[in-house]
C-alpha cells in the first residue's frame, strides 16, 4: 500500500508557495487590531441599515431593490427602484416609505455605494442630526445584518418567480408579508412584536425633518 509520509505538511507548503492560490483565494486569516462593534439600539428604528440589490431583470420598469432593516426588531422594508437613481430620488423614497412610518433614526449603517458617499446624502443627514456609519472597503461584516436579509430575500425571489423572473415586482407585498410572518413565528408574540417594531414619530423628528427639507432646498438651489 502506498503511503505519503508528511502529506499534510507537503500540501500546506505547496499551497503557501502557489502563486495562483495566493492571488485568487481570499484571505481568511484573523484581521489585526481591535473590533469596533456597532452600538446596541435601545428601541426599534433607532439604528437601521440600508443596502441595494442590483442586477435584477426588469419588472414593470424596476430593476433594483432598496433594503432597509431595523437592527433592533429585524423588521425590513423592500422598496423597488429604477435605474438610474440618484441620492435625491433615494432620499425621497426614504421619506415617503420609511420616515412616514418610523421617523428619523439616530444612525444609518451602509456600505460605500455612490449614493451613500454623495455630498447630497451626507449633507442631508448631517442637517437631520443622523449619524452615517459606513463600512470600510472589503469589510462587509459591518453591514452583515442587511447582507443576511439580502440572502433571504434573493432566496424568496427565486422560489416565488422561478418560472417568470420578470414578475418579481408584483410579488413584493406577498414576499414582505412572508418574511415578516417568519419573524413573528420566531418571536412568538404578535402584539408585542408589532408594538416594538412600529416606532412612533416624535415631535423632535418632525422638527428635524422641517429643518432638513428647508436646508435641502437651499442646498439644491445653491448647486
Protein backbone atom coordinates (compact mmCIF):
# COMPACT_ATOMS: atom_id res chain seq x y z
CA UNK A 1 0.00 0.00 0.00
CA UNK A 2 1.31 3.42 -0.98
CA UNK A 3 1.82 5.90 1.86
CA UNK A 4 2.96 9.51 1.74
CA UNK A 5 4.71 10.50 4.91
CA UNK A 6 4.09 14.16 5.81
CA UNK A 7 1.29 14.62 3.23
CA UNK A 8 -0.46 17.34 5.22
CA UNK A 9 2.72 19.40 5.65
CA UNK A 10 3.63 18.97 1.97
CA UNK A 11 0.19 20.17 0.79
CA UNK A 12 0.30 23.09 3.22
CA UNK A 13 3.71 24.15 1.96
CA UNK A 14 2.66 23.78 -1.70
CA UNK A 15 -0.42 25.96 -1.21
CA UNK A 16 1.60 28.59 0.64
CA UNK A 17 4.07 28.79 -2.24
CA UNK A 18 1.50 28.55 -5.07
CA UNK A 19 1.26 31.91 -6.84
CA UNK A 20 -2.22 31.24 -8.27
CA UNK A 21 -3.60 30.33 -4.83
CA UNK A 22 -2.10 33.41 -3.22
CA UNK A 23 -3.57 35.71 -5.87
CA UNK A 24 -7.02 34.14 -6.33
CA UNK A 25 -8.09 32.86 -2.90
CA UNK A 26 -9.48 35.26 -0.26
CA UNK A 27 -7.56 35.88 2.93
CA UNK A 28 -9.23 34.03 5.84
CA UNK A 29 -6.68 34.98 8.46
CA UNK A 30 -7.72 36.87 11.57
CA UNK A 31 -7.71 40.61 10.99
CA UNK A 32 -5.29 42.63 13.13
CA UNK A 33 -6.47 45.28 15.56
CA UNK A 34 -9.42 45.57 17.91
CA UNK A 35 -13.03 45.10 16.82
CA UNK A 36 -15.29 48.15 16.72
CA UNK A 37 -18.80 46.81 17.34
CA UNK A 38 -21.87 48.76 16.34
CA UNK A 39 -23.89 50.49 19.02
CA UNK A 40 -26.73 48.44 20.53
CA UNK A 41 -30.07 50.24 19.92
CA UNK A 42 -32.43 50.78 22.83
CA UNK A 43 -35.65 50.68 20.80
CA UNK A 44 -36.95 49.98 17.32
CA UNK A 45 -35.88 52.12 14.36
CA UNK A 46 -33.15 53.83 16.32
CA UNK A 47 -30.41 52.13 14.26
CA UNK A 48 -31.11 50.96 10.71
CA UNK A 49 -29.04 49.50 7.90
CA UNK A 50 -29.50 50.04 4.16
CA UNK A 51 -28.28 48.28 1.04
CA UNK A 52 -29.16 47.79 -2.63
CA UNK A 53 -29.86 44.57 -4.52
CA UNK A 54 -28.98 45.24 -8.15
CA UNK A 55 -28.76 43.27 -11.37
CA UNK A 56 -32.38 42.08 -11.31
CA UNK A 57 -34.35 41.57 -14.54
CA UNK A 58 -36.63 44.48 -15.37
CA UNK A 59 -40.10 44.07 -13.91
CA UNK A 60 -42.64 46.86 -14.52
CA UNK A 61 -39.66 49.14 -15.09
CA UNK A 62 -37.94 48.23 -11.78
CA UNK A 63 -34.53 46.56 -11.73
CA UNK A 64 -33.25 47.21 -8.20
CA UNK A 65 -34.41 46.86 -4.57
CA UNK A 66 -33.55 49.13 -1.65
CA UNK A 67 -33.41 47.02 1.53
CA UNK A 68 -33.93 48.82 4.86
CA UNK A 69 -33.55 46.77 8.06
CA UNK A 70 -34.20 47.78 11.65
CA UNK A 71 -31.35 46.21 13.61
CA UNK A 72 -33.42 46.03 16.81
CA UNK A 73 -36.65 44.34 15.68
CA UNK A 74 -35.32 42.84 12.37
CA UNK A 75 -38.33 44.42 10.62
CA UNK A 76 -37.45 45.04 6.97
CA UNK A 77 -38.74 47.10 4.06
CA UNK A 78 -38.10 46.19 0.43
CA UNK A 79 -38.52 49.16 -1.92
CA UNK A 80 -38.28 48.69 -5.72
CA UNK A 81 -36.16 51.20 -7.64
CA UNK A 82 -35.47 52.08 -11.26
CA UNK A 83 -32.09 52.82 -12.78
CA UNK A 84 -30.69 55.39 -12.97
CA UNK A 85 -31.46 56.50 -9.40
CA UNK A 86 -29.71 59.30 -7.52
CA UNK A 87 -29.22 60.33 -3.91
CA UNK A 88 -32.17 62.72 -4.29
CA UNK A 89 -34.55 60.02 -5.52
CA UNK A 90 -33.43 57.57 -2.81
CA UNK A 91 -33.87 60.28 -0.15
CA UNK A 92 -37.41 60.98 -1.40
CA UNK A 93 -38.20 57.25 -1.33
CA UNK A 94 -36.83 57.03 2.22
CA UNK A 95 -39.01 59.97 3.25
CA UNK A 96 -42.21 58.55 1.71
CA UNK A 97 -41.79 54.91 2.78
CA UNK A 98 -39.62 54.86 5.93
CA UNK A 99 -39.87 58.23 7.65
CA UNK A 100 -43.67 58.41 7.48
CA UNK A 101 -43.90 55.13 9.41
CA UNK A 102 -40.93 55.16 11.78
CA UNK A 103 -39.49 58.67 11.98
CA UNK A 104 -35.80 59.52 11.71
CA UNK A 105 -33.21 57.04 13.06
CA UNK A 106 -30.23 58.05 15.13
CA UNK A 107 -27.79 56.19 12.89
CA UNK A 108 -27.71 54.54 9.45
CA UNK A 109 -25.31 51.69 8.64
CA UNK A 110 -24.46 51.19 4.96
CA UNK A 111 -21.70 50.29 2.54
CA UNK A 112 -19.86 52.84 0.41
CA UNK A 113 -22.24 52.94 -2.50
CA UNK A 114 -22.08 56.09 -4.64
CA UNK A 115 -25.45 57.19 -3.23
CA UNK A 116 -24.34 56.91 0.40
CA UNK A 117 -21.00 58.64 -0.23
CA UNK A 118 -22.51 61.51 -2.24
CA UNK A 119 -22.27 65.04 -0.88
CA UNK A 120 -26.05 65.49 -1.00
CA UNK A 121 -26.71 62.37 1.11
CA UNK A 122 -24.10 63.29 3.72
CA UNK A 123 -25.22 66.92 3.96
CA UNK A 124 -28.88 65.90 4.19
CA UNK A 125 -28.45 63.57 7.16
CA UNK A 126 -25.87 65.83 8.79
CA UNK A 127 -28.54 68.54 8.93
CA UNK A 128 -31.02 65.98 10.28
CA UNK A 129 -28.51 65.01 13.00
CA UNK A 130 -28.39 61.38 11.81
CA UNK A 131 -25.04 59.62 12.06
CA UNK A 132 -23.86 57.79 8.92
CA UNK A 133 -21.80 54.68 9.68
CA UNK A 134 -20.25 53.31 6.50
CA UNK A 135 -18.36 50.04 6.27
CA UNK A 136 -14.70 50.04 5.32
CA UNK A 137 -13.51 48.61 1.99
CA UNK A 138 -13.65 44.79 1.72
CA UNK A 139 -15.32 44.53 5.12
CA UNK A 140 -18.99 43.63 4.50
CA UNK A 141 -19.31 42.29 8.07
CA UNK A 142 -20.09 45.84 9.23
CA UNK A 143 -23.38 45.63 7.35
CA UNK A 144 -23.76 41.89 7.89
CA UNK A 145 -27.38 42.03 9.05
CA UNK A 146 -28.54 43.58 5.77
CA UNK A 147 -26.36 41.17 3.78
CA UNK A 148 -28.10 38.27 5.52
CA UNK A 149 -31.54 39.74 4.82
CA UNK A 150 -30.49 40.16 1.19
CA UNK A 151 -29.69 36.45 1.02
CA UNK A 152 -33.14 35.57 2.41
CA UNK A 153 -34.82 37.99 0.02
CA UNK A 154 -32.99 36.57 -3.01
CA UNK A 155 -33.92 33.03 -1.93
CA UNK A 156 -37.58 34.01 -1.59
CA UNK A 157 -37.49 35.68 -5.02
CA UNK A 158 -36.08 32.56 -6.66
CA UNK A 159 -38.87 30.48 -5.15
CA UNK A 160 -41.63 32.98 -5.97
CA UNK A 161 -40.72 33.82 -9.58
CA UNK A 162 -38.64 30.85 -10.71
CA UNK A 163 -40.73 30.37 -13.86
CA UNK A 164 -41.37 34.08 -14.59
CA UNK A 165 -38.41 36.12 -13.27
CA UNK A 166 -39.69 39.36 -14.81
CA UNK A 167 -42.70 39.43 -12.48
CA UNK A 168 -40.74 39.81 -9.22
CA UNK A 169 -42.00 43.37 -8.57
CA UNK A 170 -45.60 42.08 -8.41
CA UNK A 171 -44.68 39.69 -5.58
CA UNK A 172 -43.02 42.20 -3.24
CA UNK A 173 -46.06 42.60 -0.98
CA UNK A 174 -46.53 38.85 -0.54
CA UNK A 175 -42.81 38.40 -0.09
CA UNK A 176 -42.62 41.09 2.60
CA UNK A 177 -45.55 39.51 4.42
CA UNK A 178 -43.87 36.10 4.27
CA UNK A 179 -40.62 37.33 5.77
CA UNK A 180 -42.42 39.30 8.50
CA UNK A 181 -44.56 36.25 9.26
CA UNK A 182 -41.42 34.18 9.79
CA UNK A 183 -40.12 36.76 12.27
CA UNK A 184 -43.45 36.78 14.12
CA UNK A 185 -43.44 32.99 14.42
CA UNK A 186 -39.88 33.08 15.74
CA UNK A 187 -40.64 35.79 18.30
CA UNK A 188 -43.92 34.19 19.30
CA UNK A 189 -45.83 37.31 20.42
CA UNK A 190 -47.61 39.16 17.62
CA UNK A 191 -48.88 42.16 19.59
CA UNK A 192 -45.69 42.98 21.48
CA UNK A 193 -43.60 42.44 18.35
CA UNK A 194 -45.58 44.98 16.33
CA UNK A 195 -45.57 47.41 19.27
CA UNK A 196 -41.81 47.07 19.31
CA UNK A 197 -41.39 47.33 15.54
CA UNK A 198 -43.67 50.26 14.75
CA UNK A 199 -41.93 53.22 16.37
CA UNK A 200 -43.96 56.43 16.77
CA UNK A 201 -42.97 59.66 15.03
CA UNK A 202 -41.88 62.15 17.67
CA UNK A 203 -42.24 65.94 17.57
CA UNK A 204 -38.45 66.25 17.62
CA UNK A 205 -38.14 64.17 14.46
CA UNK A 206 -40.82 66.31 12.78
CA UNK A 207 -38.83 69.45 13.60
CA UNK A 208 -35.70 67.76 12.29
CA UNK A 209 -37.45 66.94 9.02
CA UNK A 210 -38.72 70.50 8.51
CA UNK A 211 -35.24 71.93 9.10
CA UNK A 212 -33.74 69.26 6.88
CA UNK A 213 -36.12 69.88 3.97
CA UNK A 214 -35.63 73.66 4.08
CA UNK A 215 -31.85 73.23 4.16
CA UNK A 216 -32.08 70.66 1.36
CA UNK A 217 -33.93 73.14 -0.86
CA UNK A 218 -31.25 75.75 -0.18
CA UNK A 219 -28.54 73.21 -0.93
CA UNK A 220 -30.12 72.26 -4.28
CA UNK A 221 -30.65 75.92 -5.27
CA UNK A 222 -27.01 76.70 -4.49
CA UNK A 223 -25.88 73.92 -6.81
